[in-house]
Amino acid sequence: MPHYARIAGSPTGAKPSVVFRAVRDFWSLRLRLWFRRKGAMQRGEAMLG
């Protein structure tokens, strides 16, 4: 899969706040799937509300 250069804006992936939010969202989702798998998979609602 090729990587295309950004044509507008500036990269934000290296900002600590962006990295922290991504890690927090990942673990929030992971924990919900571990502990409430049935409810998480059946409702069809946004999990990271």
C-alpha atoms as a PDB file:
ATOM      1  CA  MET A   1       0.000   0.000   0.000  1.00  0.00           C
ATOM      2  CA  PRO A   2       1.597   3.293  -1.030  1.00  0.00           C
ATOM      3  CA  HIS A   3       1.906   6.284   1.257  1.00  0.00           C
ATOM      4  CA  TYR A   4       0.775   9.591  -0.173  1.00  0.00           C
ATOM      5  CA  ALA A   5       2.086  12.929   1.036  1.00  0.00           C
ATOM      6  CA  ARG A   6      -0.285  15.212   2.922  1.00  0.00           C
ATOM      7  CA  ILE A   7      -1.613  17.898   0.574  1.00  0.00           C
ATOM      8  CA  ALA A   8      -3.071  20.212   3.244  1.00  0.00           C
ATOM      9  CA  GLY A   9      -2.729  20.823   6.962  1.00  0.00           C
ATOM     10  CA  SER A  10       0.060  19.704   9.226  1.00  0.00           C
ATOM     11  CA  PRO A  11       0.846  16.332  10.775  1.00  0.00           C
ATOM     12  CA  THR A  12      -0.339  15.874  14.370  1.00  0.00           C
ATOM     13  CA  GLY A  13       0.572  12.247  15.081  1.00  0.00           C
ATOM     14  CA  ALA A  14       3.707  13.098  17.068  1.00  0.00           C
ATOM     15  CA  LYS A  15       1.968  15.476  19.505  1.00  0.00           C
ATOM     16  CA  PRO A  16       1.834  14.000  23.027  1.00  0.00           C
ATOM     17  CA  SER A  17      -1.851  14.940  23.390  1.00  0.00           C
ATOM     18  CA  VAL A  18      -2.754  13.075  20.195  1.00  0.00           C
ATOM     19  CA  VAL A  19      -0.768  10.003  21.216  1.00  0.00           C
ATOM     20  CA  PHE A  20      -2.315  10.056  24.710  1.00  0.00           C
ATOM     21  CA  ARG A  21      -5.846  10.309  23.304  1.00  0.00           C
ATOM     22  CA  ALA A  22      -5.224   7.409  20.902  1.00  0.00           C
ATOM     23  CA  VAL A  23      -3.862   5.198  23.694  1.00  0.00           C
ATOM     24  CA  ARG A  24      -6.735   6.173  26.025  1.00  0.00           C
ATOM     25  CA  ASP A  25      -9.351   5.423  23.354  1.00  0.00           C
ATOM     26  CA  PHE A  26      -7.720   2.105  22.516  1.00  0.00           C
ATOM     27  CA  TRP A  27      -7.699   0.924  26.142  1.00  0.00           C
ATOM     28  CA  SER A  28     -11.216   2.184  26.748  1.00  0.00           C
ATOM     29  CA  LEU A  29     -12.470   0.142  23.807  1.00  0.00           C
ATOM     30  CA  ARG A  30     -10.365  -2.877  24.759  1.00  0.00           C
ATOM     31  CA  LEU A  31     -11.644  -2.912  28.349  1.00  0.00           C
ATOM     32  CA  ARG A  32     -15.253  -2.569  27.240  1.00  0.00           C
ATOM     33  CA  LEU A  33     -14.848  -5.493  24.862  1.00  0.00           C
ATOM     34  CA  TRP A  34     -13.192  -7.639  27.557  1.00  0.00           C
ATOM     35  CA  PHE A  35     -15.677  -6.971  30.325  1.00  0.00           C
ATOM     36  CA  ARG A  36     -18.931  -6.304  28.472  1.00  0.00           C
ATOM     37  CA  ARG A  37     -18.444  -8.176  25.236  1.00  0.00           C
ATOM     38  CA  LYS A  38     -22.052  -9.252  24.717  1.00  0.00           C
ATOM     39  CA  GLY A  39     -23.505  -5.829  25.382  1.00  0.00           C
ATOM     40  CA  ALA A  40     -20.805  -4.076  23.400  1.00  0.00           C
ATOM     41  CA  MET A  41     -21.337  -6.275  20.360  1.00  0.00           C
ATOM     42  CA  GLN A  42     -25.169  -6.295  20.399  1.00  0.00           C
ATOM     43  CA  ARG A  43     -26.162  -2.692  21.024  1.00  0.00           C
ATOM     44  CA  GLY A  44     -24.689  -1.173  17.897  1.00  0.00           C
ATOM     45  CA  GLU A  45     -24.112   2.144  19.703  1.00  0.00           C
ATOM     46  CA  ALA A  46     -20.981   4.269  19.755  1.00  0.00           C
ATOM     47  CA  MET A  47     -18.678   2.825  22.412  1.00  0.00           C
ATOM     48  CA  LEU A  48     -16.371   5.786  22.961  1.00  0.00           C
ATOM     49  CA  GLY A  49     -19.217   8.237  23.420  1.00  0.00           C
END
